[in-house]
Protein backbone atom coordinates (compact mmCIF):
# COMPACT_ATOMS: atom_id res chain seq x y z
CA UNK A 1 -30.12 -2.84 -21.61
CA UNK A 2 -28.28 -0.98 -24.35
CA UNK A 3 -28.53 2.37 -22.42
CA UNK A 4 -27.64 0.97 -18.91
CA UNK A 5 -24.64 -0.68 -20.87
CA UNK A 6 -23.37 2.75 -22.03
CA UNK A 7 -23.39 4.35 -19.09
CA UNK A 8 -21.79 0.88 -17.39
CA UNK A 9 -18.79 1.57 -19.83
CA UNK A 10 -18.47 5.18 -19.49
CA UNK A 11 -18.37 5.28 -15.95
CA UNK A 12 -15.09 5.21 -13.91
CA UNK A 13 -14.21 1.94 -12.41
CA UNK A 14 -14.39 1.38 -8.34
CA UNK A 15 -10.95 0.65 -7.07
CA UNK A 16 -11.22 -2.48 -4.09
CA UNK A 17 -10.93 -0.84 -1.08
CA UNK A 18 -9.52 -3.78 0.42
CA UNK A 19 -7.07 -6.50 -1.16
CA UNK A 20 -9.22 -9.60 0.60
CA UNK A 21 -5.60 -10.99 0.43
CA UNK A 22 -5.18 -14.67 0.91
CA UNK A 23 -8.68 -15.16 -0.01
CA UNK A 24 -9.31 -18.55 -1.81
CA UNK A 25 -11.49 -20.41 -3.76
CA UNK A 26 -11.99 -17.04 -6.52
CA UNK A 27 -15.25 -15.89 -8.12
CA UNK A 28 -17.66 -18.94 -8.95
CA UNK A 29 -19.07 -19.04 -12.29
CA UNK A 30 -22.52 -20.08 -13.06
CA UNK A 31 -23.07 -23.39 -14.27
CA UNK A 32 -24.44 -22.65 -17.84
CA UNK A 33 -26.44 -25.96 -18.83
CA UNK A 34 -29.74 -26.51 -20.54
CA UNK A 35 -30.87 -29.07 -18.70
CA UNK A 36 -34.62 -28.43 -17.67
CA UNK A 37 -34.77 -24.77 -19.22
CA UNK A 38 -37.25 -24.00 -21.84
CA UNK A 39 -38.46 -20.79 -23.59
CA UNK A 40 -36.07 -17.43 -23.19
CA UNK A 41 -33.61 -19.48 -20.94
CA UNK A 42 -32.78 -21.88 -24.09
CA UNK A 43 -32.48 -18.55 -26.31
CA UNK A 44 -30.02 -17.31 -24.29
CA UNK A 45 -27.78 -20.36 -23.97
CA UNK A 46 -25.47 -19.36 -26.91
CA UNK A 47 -24.96 -16.15 -25.63
CA UNK A 48 -23.87 -17.21 -21.91
CA UNK A 49 -21.75 -19.73 -23.46
CA UNK A 50 -19.82 -17.31 -25.77
CA UNK A 51 -19.83 -14.98 -22.72
CA UNK A 52 -18.05 -18.00 -20.86
CA UNK A 53 -15.69 -18.07 -23.50
CA UNK A 54 -14.96 -14.51 -23.35
CA UNK A 55 -14.26 -14.77 -19.98
CA UNK A 56 -11.55 -17.74 -20.35
CA UNK A 57 -9.76 -15.56 -22.71
CA UNK A 58 -9.62 -13.02 -19.99
CA UNK A 59 -12.12 -10.56 -22.43
CA UNK A 60 -14.68 -9.21 -19.68
CA UNK A 61 -15.63 -6.73 -22.07
CA UNK A 62 -17.29 -9.23 -24.75
CA UNK A 63 -18.44 -11.15 -21.91
CA UNK A 64 -20.26 -7.80 -20.14
CA UNK A 65 -21.47 -7.08 -24.24
CA UNK A 66 -22.66 -10.41 -24.49
CA UNK A 67 -24.38 -10.54 -21.04
CA UNK A 68 -26.20 -8.15 -21.59
CA UNK A 69 -27.86 -9.33 -25.06
CA UNK A 70 -28.97 -12.35 -22.88
CA UNK A 71 -30.52 -9.72 -20.30
CA UNK A 72 -32.51 -8.34 -22.95
CA UNK A 73 -33.90 -11.63 -23.65
CA UNK A 74 -34.79 -12.68 -20.26
CA UNK A 75 -33.69 -9.98 -17.29
CA UNK A 76 -34.71 -13.13 -15.35
CA UNK A 77 -32.45 -15.22 -15.85
CA UNK A 78 -30.14 -16.02 -12.74
CA UNK A 79 -27.57 -17.45 -14.72
CA UNK A 80 -27.28 -14.59 -17.12
CA UNK A 81 -27.32 -11.76 -14.20
CA UNK A 82 -24.32 -14.35 -12.08
CA UNK A 83 -22.51 -13.97 -15.14
CA UNK A 84 -22.79 -10.80 -15.91
CA UNK A 85 -21.87 -9.79 -12.05
CA UNK A 86 -18.47 -11.95 -12.43
CA UNK A 87 -17.76 -10.09 -15.88
CA UNK A 88 -18.43 -6.47 -14.63
CA UNK A 89 -16.42 -7.29 -11.40
CA UNK A 90 -13.59 -8.08 -13.59
CA UNK A 91 -13.57 -4.74 -15.31
CA UNK A 92 -13.82 -3.12 -11.96
CA UNK A 93 -17.32 -2.19 -11.53
CA UNK A 94 -17.65 -3.47 -7.80
CA UNK A 95 -20.75 -1.84 -6.69
CA UNK A 96 -22.52 -2.73 -10.14
CA UNK A 97 -21.35 -6.20 -10.03
CA UNK A 98 -22.67 -6.49 -6.39
CA UNK A 99 -26.17 -5.21 -8.03
CA UNK A 100 -26.14 -8.24 -10.20
CA UNK A 101 -24.94 -10.76 -7.76
CA UNK A 102 -28.05 -9.52 -5.95
CA UNK A 103 -30.31 -9.99 -8.55
CA UNK A 104 -29.02 -13.58 -9.07
CA UNK A 105 -29.49 -14.57 -5.47
CA UNK A 106 -32.72 -13.33 -5.42
CA UNK A 107 -33.70 -15.04 -8.99
CA UNK A 108 -31.90 -18.20 -7.10
CA UNK A 109 -31.21 -18.51 -3.73
CA UNK A 110 -30.37 -22.07 -3.59
CA UNK A 111 -27.32 -21.05 -5.51
CA UNK A 112 -24.55 -21.16 -2.50
CA UNK A 113 -21.98 -19.70 -4.92
CA UNK A 114 -23.56 -16.69 -5.48
CA UNK A 115 -23.50 -16.16 -1.50
CA UNK A 116 -19.61 -16.72 -1.90
CA UNK A 117 -19.35 -14.33 -4.94
CA UNK A 118 -21.23 -11.25 -3.02
CA UNK A 119 -19.16 -12.06 -0.03
CA UNK A 120 -15.85 -11.71 -2.18
CA UNK A 121 -17.01 -8.47 -3.46
CA UNK A 122 -18.37 -6.55 -0.15
CA UNK A 123 -14.98 -7.80 1.06
CA UNK A 124 -13.27 -5.86 -1.41
CA UNK A 125 -15.27 -2.78 -0.93
CA UNK A 126 -14.39 -3.03 2.72
CA UNK A 127 -18.27 -3.94 3.40
CA UNK A 128 -17.01 -6.28 6.25
CA UNK A 129 -20.20 -7.21 8.09
CA UNK A 130 -22.04 -7.74 4.69
CA UNK A 131 -19.20 -9.98 3.68
CA UNK A 132 -19.69 -11.54 6.64
CA UNK A 133 -23.13 -12.04 6.41
CA UNK A 134 -23.07 -13.77 3.05
CA UNK A 135 -20.06 -16.11 3.80
CA UNK A 136 -22.29 -17.56 6.71
CA UNK A 137 -24.92 -17.97 4.65
CA UNK A 138 -23.01 -19.85 2.23
CA UNK A 139 -21.59 -22.00 5.33
CA UNK A 140 -24.91 -22.66 5.93
CA UNK A 141 -25.34 -24.26 2.63
CA UNK A 142 -22.40 -25.61 2.41
CA UNK A 143 -21.13 -26.61 6.18
CA UNK A 144 -17.08 -27.42 6.47
CA UNK A 145 -16.47 -25.80 3.20
CA UNK A 146 -12.68 -24.66 3.60
CA UNK A 147 -13.12 -21.97 0.94
CA UNK A 148 -15.83 -20.84 2.86
CA UNK A 149 -14.02 -20.92 6.27
CA UNK A 150 -10.81 -19.39 5.29
CA UNK A 151 -12.27 -16.55 3.52
CA UNK A 152 -14.73 -16.01 6.66
CA UNK A 153 -11.69 -16.03 8.83
CA UNK A 154 -10.20 -13.54 6.38
CA UNK A 155 -13.21 -11.12 7.07
CA UNK A 156 -12.65 -11.29 10.58
CA UNK A 157 -9.03 -10.89 10.59
CA UNK A 158 -9.46 -7.46 8.63
CA UNK A 159 -12.52 -6.63 11.26
CA UNK A 160 -9.26 -6.91 13.85
CA UNK A 161 -11.54 -9.68 15.35
CA UNK A 162 -8.71 -12.12 15.39
CA UNK A 163 -9.63 -14.52 18.44
CA UNK A 164 -13.12 -15.26 16.05
CA UNK A 165 -11.12 -15.60 12.86
CA UNK A 166 -8.44 -18.19 15.02
CA UNK A 167 -11.52 -19.87 16.67
CA UNK A 168 -13.32 -20.78 13.27
CA UNK A 169 -9.81 -21.86 11.59
CA UNK A 170 -9.26 -24.30 14.77
CA UNK A 171 -12.71 -25.61 14.68
CA UNK A 172 -12.09 -26.75 11.02
CA UNK A 173 -8.80 -28.21 11.49
CA UNK A 174 -10.14 -30.79 13.69
CA UNK A 175 -11.97 -32.25 10.76
CA UNK A 176 -8.97 -31.06 8.07
CA UNK A 177 -5.70 -30.91 10.07
CA UNK A 178 -4.08 -32.10 6.67
CA UNK A 179 -5.40 -29.12 4.76
CA UNK A 180 -2.46 -27.01 4.38
CA UNK A 181 -4.58 -23.50 3.41
CA UNK A 182 -6.11 -23.58 6.64
CA UNK A 183 -2.62 -23.68 8.34
CA UNK A 184 -1.73 -21.01 5.86
CA UNK A 185 -4.54 -19.13 6.99
CA UNK A 186 -4.40 -19.45 11.17
CA UNK A 187 -0.54 -18.19 10.60
CA UNK A 188 -1.69 -15.03 8.36
CA UNK A 189 -4.24 -13.96 11.20
CA UNK A 190 -1.63 -14.09 13.77
CA UNK A 191 0.89 -12.60 11.67
CA UNK A 192 -1.95 -9.70 11.22
CA UNK A 193 -2.58 -9.68 14.83
CA UNK A 194 1.45 -8.47 15.71
CA UNK A 195 2.73 -12.11 16.23
CA UNK A 196 4.93 -13.26 13.32
CA UNK A 197 7.10 -15.37 15.36
CA UNK A 198 3.67 -17.64 16.27
CA UNK A 199 2.48 -17.48 12.67
CA UNK A 200 6.12 -19.08 11.27
CA UNK A 201 4.93 -21.80 13.39
CA UNK A 202 1.84 -22.39 11.49
CA UNK A 203 3.40 -21.68 8.17
CA UNK A 204 6.06 -24.66 8.59
CA UNK A 205 3.24 -26.82 9.16
CA UNK A 206 1.50 -26.09 5.88
CA UNK A 207 4.69 -26.18 4.05
CA UNK A 208 5.67 -29.87 5.73
CA UNK A 209 2.17 -30.73 4.28
CA UNK A 210 2.69 -29.16 0.96
CA UNK A 211 6.23 -28.62 0.35
CA UNK A 212 5.41 -26.61 -2.90
CA UNK A 213 2.99 -24.28 -1.84
CA UNK A 214 4.02 -21.23 -2.80
CA UNK A 215 1.89 -18.65 -0.87
CA UNK A 216 2.58 -20.65 1.97
CA UNK A 217 6.43 -19.56 1.20
CA UNK A 218 5.95 -16.11 0.68
CA UNK A 219 3.79 -15.93 4.02
CA UNK A 220 6.78 -17.38 5.43
CA UNK A 221 9.09 -14.87 3.95
CA UNK A 222 7.16 -12.03 5.33
CA UNK A 223 6.45 -13.26 8.61
CA UNK A 224 10.43 -13.92 9.19
CA UNK A 225 11.62 -10.93 8.11
CA UNK A 226 9.23 -9.19 10.73
CA UNK A 227 10.61 -11.03 13.34
CA UNK A 228 14.27 -10.01 11.92
CA UNK A 229 15.51 -13.32 10.35
CA UNK A 230 16.10 -11.76 7.16
CA UNK A 231 18.18 -14.66 5.79
CA UNK A 232 15.56 -16.90 6.10
CA UNK A 233 12.89 -14.61 4.66
CA UNK A 234 15.19 -14.33 1.60
CA UNK A 235 15.37 -18.07 1.12
CA UNK A 236 11.49 -18.57 1.65
CA UNK A 237 10.83 -15.89 -0.93
CA UNK A 238 13.31 -17.71 -3.48
CA UNK A 239 11.41 -20.94 -2.75
CA UNK A 240 8.05 -19.21 -3.75
CA UNK A 241 9.24 -18.41 -6.67
CA UNK A 242 9.50 -22.04 -7.54
CA UNK A 243 6.26 -22.65 -8.26
CA UNK A 244 4.03 -19.64 -8.33
CA UNK A 245 0.37 -20.49 -8.97
CA UNK A 246 -0.45 -17.63 -11.59
CA UNK A 247 1.45 -14.89 -13.15
CA UNK A 248 -0.07 -12.25 -10.32
CA UNK A 249 1.59 -14.61 -7.86
CA UNK A 250 4.83 -14.39 -9.02
CA UNK A 251 5.06 -10.62 -9.35
CA UNK A 252 3.84 -10.68 -5.99
CA UNK A 253 6.36 -12.51 -5.06
CA UNK A 254 9.32 -11.31 -6.88
CA UNK A 255 8.24 -7.81 -5.01
CA UNK A 256 8.42 -9.09 -2.03
CA UNK A 257 11.77 -11.25 -2.57
CA UNK A 258 12.72 -7.36 -4.22
CA UNK A 259 12.00 -5.64 -0.34
CA UNK A 260 13.40 -8.32 1.46
CA UNK A 261 16.60 -7.92 -0.58
CA UNK A 262 16.62 -4.32 -0.20
CA UNK A 263 16.15 -4.68 3.86
CA UNK A 264 19.31 -6.76 3.78
CA UNK A 265 21.71 -4.53 1.78
CA UNK A 266 21.69 -6.81 -1.08
CA UNK A 267 21.02 -3.42 -3.17
CA UNK A 268 21.59 -4.21 -6.56
CA UNK A 269 19.68 -7.50 -6.92
CA UNK A 270 16.84 -5.79 -4.65
CA UNK A 271 16.42 -3.09 -7.10
CA UNK A 272 16.06 -5.58 -9.73
CA UNK A 273 13.34 -7.23 -8.02
CA UNK A 274 11.59 -4.79 -7.01
CA UNK A 275 10.92 -3.56 -10.33
CA UNK A 276 8.29 -5.95 -10.31
CA UNK A 277 6.46 -3.26 -9.01
CA UNK A 278 5.64 -2.31 -12.58
CA UNK A 279 5.06 -5.55 -14.13
CA UNK A 280 1.55 -5.82 -15.69
CA UNK A 281 0.91 -8.65 -13.89
CA UNK A 282 1.46 -7.23 -10.90
CA UNK A 283 -1.88 -6.63 -8.94
CA UNK A 284 -1.46 -2.98 -7.79
CA UNK A 285 1.01 -2.06 -11.09
CA UNK A 286 0.68 1.48 -12.02
CA UNK A 287 0.50 1.92 -16.02
CA UNK A 288 1.71 5.03 -17.47
CA UNK A 289 0.51 7.11 -20.38
CA UNK A 290 3.29 9.34 -21.71
CA UNK A 291 4.81 10.42 -24.74
CA UNK A 292 8.21 8.43 -25.85
CA UNK A 293 9.56 5.26 -24.59
CA UNK A 294 10.47 3.99 -20.71
CA UNK A 295 14.52 4.48 -20.18
CA UNK A 296 15.82 1.24 -19.29
CA UNK A 297 18.30 0.98 -16.26
CA UNK A 298 21.10 1.17 -18.23
CA UNK A 299 19.75 3.43 -20.70
CA UNK A 300 21.81 6.01 -22.14
CA UNK A 301 20.57 9.55 -20.95
CA UNK A 302 23.09 11.84 -22.03
CA UNK A 303 21.64 15.18 -23.88
CA UNK A 304 18.13 13.79 -24.01
CA UNK A 305 14.85 15.37 -22.84
CA UNK A 306 13.70 13.36 -19.97
CA UNK A 307 9.93 13.23 -17.80
CA UNK A 308 11.07 11.75 -14.17
CA UNK A 309 7.72 10.86 -12.85
CA UNK A 310 6.39 10.16 -9.36
CA UNK A 311 5.01 6.76 -8.85
CA UNK A 312 4.23 5.73 -5.51
CA UNK A 313 3.45 7.65 -2.44
CA UNK A 314 4.20 11.30 -1.30
CA UNK A 315 6.87 10.09 0.91
CA UNK A 316 8.58 7.79 -1.69
CA UNK A 317 8.10 10.95 -4.09
CA UNK A 318 10.49 12.97 -1.84
CA UNK A 319 12.91 10.01 -0.93
CA UNK A 320 13.94 9.23 -4.24
CA UNK A 321 14.65 12.83 -5.23
CA UNK A 322 17.46 12.30 -3.25
CA UNK A 323 18.84 10.79 -6.78
CA UNK A 324 17.47 13.62 -8.89
CA UNK A 325 20.87 15.51 -9.03
CA UNK A 326 22.87 12.54 -10.22
CA UNK A 327 20.18 12.23 -13.25
CA UNK A 328 20.64 15.54 -14.07
CA UNK A 329 24.27 15.65 -14.17
CA UNK A 330 24.23 12.40 -16.51
CA UNK A 331 21.37 14.19 -19.07
CA UNK A 332 24.37 16.97 -18.96
CA UNK A 333 24.05 20.72 -20.10
CA UNK A 334 22.30 19.63 -23.87
CA UNK A 335 19.69 17.69 -22.73
CA UNK A 336 16.62 18.65 -20.08
CA UNK A 337 14.58 17.08 -17.18
CA UNK A 338 11.29 17.43 -16.42
CA UNK A 339 9.79 16.29 -13.46
CA UNK A 340 6.27 15.61 -12.56
CA UNK A 341 4.83 15.09 -8.78
CA UNK A 342 2.04 15.18 -6.88
CA UNK A 343 0.33 18.53 -7.11
CA UNK A 344 0.75 19.35 -3.26
CA UNK A 345 4.90 19.01 -3.41
CA UNK A 346 5.22 21.40 -6.99
CA UNK A 347 6.03 24.24 -4.80
CA UNK A 348 8.79 22.59 -2.86
CA UNK A 349 10.02 20.72 -5.99
CA UNK A 350 10.17 24.09 -8.16
CA UNK A 351 11.83 25.89 -5.47
CA UNK A 352 14.60 23.26 -4.92
CA UNK A 353 15.37 22.35 -8.75
CA UNK A 354 14.81 25.96 -10.11
CA UNK A 355 16.83 25.11 -13.40
CA UNK A 356 14.09 22.36 -14.15
CA UNK A 357 10.50 22.26 -15.38
CA UNK A 358 7.98 20.97 -12.46
CA UNK A 359 4.62 20.25 -13.26
CA UNK A 360 1.93 17.62 -11.57
CA UNK A 361 1.07 14.19 -12.36
CA UNK A 362 -2.46 13.11 -12.54
CA UNK A 363 -4.04 9.34 -11.65
CA UNK A 364 -6.90 8.14 -13.64
CA UNK A 365 -8.68 4.76 -13.09
CA UNK A 366 -9.84 2.44 -16.18
CA UNK A 367 -11.58 -0.99 -15.80
CA UNK A 368 -9.72 -1.39 -12.45
CA UNK A 369 -6.08 -0.22 -13.63
CA UNK A 370 -4.65 2.45 -12.14
CA UNK A 371 -2.89 4.97 -14.46
CA UNK A 372 -0.72 8.12 -14.19
CA UNK A 373 -0.87 10.65 -16.65
CA UNK A 374 0.74 14.05 -17.44
CA UNK A 375 -1.04 16.45 -19.35
CA UNK A 376 0.60 19.73 -18.94
CA UNK A 377 1.81 21.73 -21.92
CA UNK A 378 5.61 21.45 -21.78
CA UNK A 379 7.49 24.56 -22.41
CA UNK A 380 10.65 22.12 -24.02
CA UNK A 381 9.28 20.31 -26.71
CA UNK A 382 8.72 16.48 -27.03
CA UNK A 383 10.48 13.92 -24.64
CA UNK A 384 12.64 11.56 -25.84
CA UNK A 385 11.51 8.82 -22.57
CA UNK A 386 10.44 9.11 -19.24
CA UNK A 387 11.57 7.54 -16.05
CA UNK A 388 9.33 6.15 -12.85
CA UNK A 389 10.76 7.74 -9.89
CA UNK A 390 11.84 4.86 -7.70
CA UNK A 391 14.00 3.62 -11.12
CA UNK A 392 16.60 6.35 -9.64
CA UNK A 393 17.17 3.69 -6.83
CA UNK A 394 18.90 1.15 -9.57
CA UNK A 395 20.18 3.44 -11.77
CA UNK A 396 22.33 5.44 -8.73
CA UNK A 397 21.98 3.96 -5.76
CA UNK A 398 23.26 0.67 -6.14
CA UNK A 399 25.43 0.62 -3.01
CA UNK A 400 25.54 2.46 0.42
CA UNK A 401 28.72 4.05 -0.93
CA UNK A 402 26.68 5.61 -3.46
CA UNK A 403 24.68 7.90 -1.13
CA UNK A 404 26.12 11.39 -0.89
CA UNK A 405 26.72 12.63 2.65
CA UNK A 406 24.25 15.43 2.14
CA UNK A 407 22.18 17.29 4.96
CA UNK A 408 19.56 18.19 2.12
CA UNK A 409 18.49 17.94 -1.07
CA UNK A 410 15.68 19.94 -0.86
CA UNK A 411 14.81 23.70 -0.05
CA UNK A 412 12.37 24.86 2.70
CA UNK A 413 10.79 28.53 1.74
CA UNK A 414 13.18 30.42 4.34
CA UNK A 415 10.39 33.13 4.62
CA UNK A 416 7.80 30.69 6.06
CA UNK A 417 10.57 29.24 8.31
CA UNK A 418 11.13 32.31 9.60
CA UNK A 419 7.33 33.11 9.94
CA UNK A 420 6.70 29.43 11.74
CA UNK A 421 9.79 30.00 13.92
CA UNK A 422 8.26 33.18 15.27
CA UNK A 423 4.86 31.70 16.00
CA UNK A 424 6.90 29.06 18.00
CA UNK A 425 8.95 31.31 19.78
CA UNK A 426 5.70 32.74 21.46
CA UNK A 427 5.13 29.03 22.66
CA UNK A 428 5.73 28.29 26.52
CA UNK A 429 10.10 28.31 26.91
CA UNK A 430 11.92 24.73 25.93
CA UNK A 431 12.80 22.77 22.87
CA UNK A 432 10.05 22.50 20.54
CA UNK A 433 9.32 19.19 19.29
CA UNK A 434 7.28 18.40 16.48
CA UNK A 435 5.54 14.79 16.57
CA UNK A 436 3.52 12.42 14.08
CA UNK A 437 2.45 9.23 15.03
CA UNK A 438 0.67 7.54 12.07
CA UNK A 439 -0.09 7.22 8.53
CA UNK A 440 -3.13 8.89 6.62
CA UNK A 441 -4.06 5.22 5.90
CA UNK A 442 -4.38 3.53 8.70
CA UNK A 443 -6.19 -0.16 9.07
CA UNK A 444 -4.99 -3.78 10.46
CA UNK A 445 -2.62 -4.69 8.66
CA UNK A 446 -0.71 -1.52 8.39
CA UNK A 447 -1.07 -0.43 11.99
CA UNK A 448 1.70 -2.72 13.56
CA UNK A 449 4.23 -0.92 11.81
CA UNK A 450 3.54 2.42 13.84
CA UNK A 451 3.87 2.93 17.39
CA UNK A 452 0.79 2.37 19.19
CA UNK A 453 -0.25 6.05 20.25
CA UNK A 454 -0.10 4.68 24.16
CA UNK A 455 3.64 4.23 23.71
CA UNK A 456 3.95 7.91 23.25
CA UNK A 457 3.04 8.59 26.73
CA UNK A 458 6.48 8.23 28.21
CA UNK A 459 7.87 10.61 25.52
CA UNK A 460 5.33 12.91 25.96
CA UNK A 461 6.03 13.13 29.71
CA UNK A 462 9.60 14.59 28.99
CA UNK A 463 10.18 17.53 31.33
CA UNK A 464 11.29 20.62 29.28
CA UNK A 465 9.77 19.52 26.33
CA UNK A 466 7.35 21.42 23.93
CA UNK A 467 5.34 19.42 21.56
CA UNK A 468 3.51 20.49 18.46
CA UNK A 469 1.36 18.52 16.55
CA UNK A 470 2.60 17.70 13.00
CA UNK A 471 -0.03 15.06 12.49
CA UNK A 472 -2.19 15.13 9.63
CA UNK A 473 -5.47 13.62 9.22
CA UNK A 474 -8.14 13.38 12.61
CA UNK A 475 -6.24 13.30 15.36
CA UNK A 476 -8.26 15.39 17.66
CA UNK A 477 -9.03 12.33 19.90
CA UNK A 478 -5.47 11.43 20.62
CA UNK A 479 -4.39 15.50 21.44
CA UNK A 480 -7.46 15.39 23.68
CA UNK A 481 -6.66 11.98 25.33
CA UNK A 482 -2.89 13.10 26.18
CA UNK A 483 -4.35 16.49 27.52
CA UNK A 484 -7.05 14.39 30.01
CA UNK A 485 -4.70 12.07 30.78
CA UNK A 486 -1.14 13.77 31.24
CA UNK A 487 -2.20 17.42 31.43
CA UNK A 488 0.12 17.96 28.63
CA UNK A 489 -0.60 20.11 25.89
CA UNK A 490 0.09 19.33 22.26
CA UNK A 491 0.23 22.78 20.70
CA UNK A 492 -1.01 23.50 16.75
CA UNK A 493 0.97 25.97 13.90
CA UNK A 494 -1.98 28.18 12.78
CA UNK A 495 -3.33 28.37 9.70
CA UNK A 496 -1.25 25.47 8.20
CA UNK A 497 -2.89 22.59 6.61
CA UNK A 498 -0.89 19.58 7.40
CA UNK A 499 -2.36 17.41 4.86
CA UNK A 500 -2.36 20.09 1.71
CA UNK A 501 0.20 22.48 2.53
CA UNK A 502 3.34 20.51 2.33
CA UNK A 503 5.18 23.53 1.35
CA UNK A 504 4.44 24.61 4.69
CA UNK A 505 4.95 21.26 6.55
CA UNK A 506 8.68 21.43 4.95
CA UNK A 507 8.83 24.85 6.39
CA UNK A 508 7.71 24.00 9.97
CA UNK A 509 9.67 20.72 10.27
CA UNK A 510 12.75 23.45 9.60
CA UNK A 511 11.46 25.34 12.23
CA UNK A 512 11.20 22.82 14.56
CA UNK A 513 13.97 21.81 17.00
CA UNK A 514 13.24 18.60 16.28
CA UNK A 515 10.51 16.05 14.35
CA UNK A 516 9.79 12.99 15.33
CA UNK A 517 7.59 10.46 13.63
CA UNK A 518 7.34 7.29 11.38
CA UNK A 519 8.59 7.47 7.96
CA UNK A 520 5.38 9.34 6.31
CA UNK A 521 5.33 12.55 4.01
CA UNK A 522 6.02 14.82 6.77
CA UNK A 523 9.31 13.23 8.45
CA UNK A 524 10.39 12.47 4.65
CA UNK A 525 9.91 16.09 4.02
CA UNK A 526 11.66 17.40 7.08
CA UNK A 527 14.65 15.02 6.48
CA UNK A 528 14.82 15.89 2.81
CA UNK A 529 14.88 19.82 3.76
CA UNK A 530 17.65 19.53 6.45
CA UNK A 531 15.46 19.33 9.68
CA UNK A 532 16.49 17.49 12.70
CA UNK A 533 14.55 14.08 12.13
CA UNK A 534 14.16 11.24 14.66
CA UNK A 535 12.56 8.40 12.57
CA UNK A 536 10.19 5.70 14.11
CA UNK A 537 10.95 2.60 12.00
CA UNK A 538 10.54 -1.20 12.32
CA UNK A 539 14.47 -2.87 11.92
CA UNK A 540 13.38 -4.25 9.04
CA UNK A 541 12.12 -1.55 7.08
CA UNK A 542 13.80 -1.81 3.49
CA UNK A 543 14.48 1.95 3.10
CA UNK A 544 17.06 1.50 5.33
CA UNK A 545 18.75 -0.96 2.88
CA UNK A 546 20.47 -2.72 5.93
CA UNK A 547 22.21 0.26 7.37
CA UNK A 548 21.88 1.25 11.16
CA UNK A 549 20.95 4.85 10.12
CA UNK A 550 18.86 6.35 7.09
CA UNK A 551 20.90 6.58 3.78
CA UNK A 552 18.54 8.56 1.85
CA UNK A 553 19.00 10.74 4.89
CA UNK A 554 22.17 10.55 6.98
CA UNK A 555 21.61 13.66 9.19
CA UNK A 556 18.52 11.91 10.50
CA UNK A 557 18.68 9.73 13.54
CA UNK A 558 16.93 6.46 13.49
CA UNK A 559 15.09 4.42 16.40
CA UNK A 560 14.46 1.00 15.47
CA UNK A 561 12.27 -1.57 17.04
CA UNK A 562 13.61 -5.04 16.83
CA UNK A 563 10.10 -6.79 16.77
CA UNK A 564 6.61 -5.52 16.49
CA UNK A 565 5.72 -6.07 20.03
CA UNK A 566 8.79 -3.63 21.37
CA UNK A 567 7.49 -0.49 20.73
CA UNK A 568 7.15 0.19 24.37
CA UNK A 569 10.80 -0.61 24.73
CA UNK A 570 11.56 1.78 21.21
CA UNK A 571 9.99 4.91 22.62
CA UNK A 572 11.45 4.46 26.29
CA UNK A 573 14.45 4.97 24.27
CA UNK A 574 13.29 7.76 22.44
CA UNK A 575 12.16 9.41 25.67
CA UNK A 576 15.67 9.02 27.06
CA UNK A 577 17.23 10.22 24.70
CA UNK A 578 14.67 13.03 24.47
CA UNK A 579 15.47 14.17 27.86
CA UNK A 580 19.37 13.51 27.60
CA UNK A 581 19.21 16.00 24.85
CA UNK A 582 17.15 18.89 26.78
CA UNK A 583 19.66 18.46 29.72
CA UNK A 584 22.67 19.33 27.19
CA UNK A 585 21.24 22.32 26.05
CA UNK A 586 19.82 23.55 29.58
CA UNK A 587 23.37 23.04 30.85
CA UNK A 588 24.99 25.04 27.66
């Protein structure tokens, strides 16, 4: 077992593919008891009890070591395999934990809690059919278990089987109508189905039954925000923070409050709460391995050597560079600013900020935690400190008046713009309209924030427009669908890698007459380099900061959908405006 343990501890942890959000019950620990045991099992009891203590003290590594010793004595102990699985999972090795759970299950198939644990790991690994199977087996052994019902409904919800999830929750409510967690779960299924208005009704019932139900208030805040009732969302978010169940819940709720405050234009406090994203107790927090201290929001940067490092997705890295010049000015001529961005953004950033040192950051996964590192050798000496990129908002963008009225803050490659423009000129006559309709990461939870592709048909029927694909990732099926159903050709830009060649993507946006799409990497790149961009987004999107337009990109046009079920109306507005612009151009 020693060699296997070394292999385990030296292997990179495995990030969960799903958050398994709103799951209940948590991982169930084995019952460590000496009753009815003898021989090898009696010898390992002290080790298992010490391992349990290590887990209680949030020391899963020590628990793994003790569990390994126990398994060296008795590898066929169901208790030891079960405990080892829990400890390994806490270290972030989900697939390996699954193996130990399966061993424990085979050794003791009558232990219902093992099935529950198996289901939660499978859920996190996005093995939804397996998670469903284990939960149904668990419920056969513990019929009516509220934890089992709620988790099964969550798995079915994430598999987009909304009606099945609703039915199992309604059935359970017949017997447990005063259980607030069931009402909360039902609300969450409806929310993910795209019906936040209906979800609110069930959250209200959960909160009537349990007024201090922190998770219910948090979900209420989310649903109210999606319905456009921002003030109610803020009130509910503050209520959630009065009684968070765990430190992780507290930071998750702080983050949610920050997003809500930003969305209604309460910008200064919004940034303060948004800082929860970096708190160690926040489930998805990024850790930084960098030289020097993190510079606080009100820290003095004048004359210092500062590293500014990207912390979120590509679109966010682009957007927050809106305030890079402010930081550079604050540092002054006697200091130095370095920038660490995604490798794919380096060429664009180096051109846009030729006097700055630009390099790439890297991401590492260790024990289930995400770390961001910079390993390039600096040409300008050691850093006095560093700044996470989104902190620029709190430092320099605390009101709408603080945003400069600039058409662009990044510089596309003029040679590539000209080359792509020449290629576009060879297409049929008419304005060249770039389109993007989704994010690279699309799932049940995220898809409701994007216009369904079917709603694009009314835009793609616009006479005189020549549409050009700017959608990265797999999209051949949608393009073929448009050709087959509408007879419309969505053209491709030759030799342009829309995912990896972001310098080329920025140039293409500038070469197009118009770029239309959600707030993803492509549209952010286009708007930041001064292209004519039309954003498609929800009314409560926090980057708008409560404004009618997009303050980060004041020259961009924004089309917002008031509710998640209004995308058809929003896309009709886009189609009408596009037709109007083409008519004006043809008349000129």
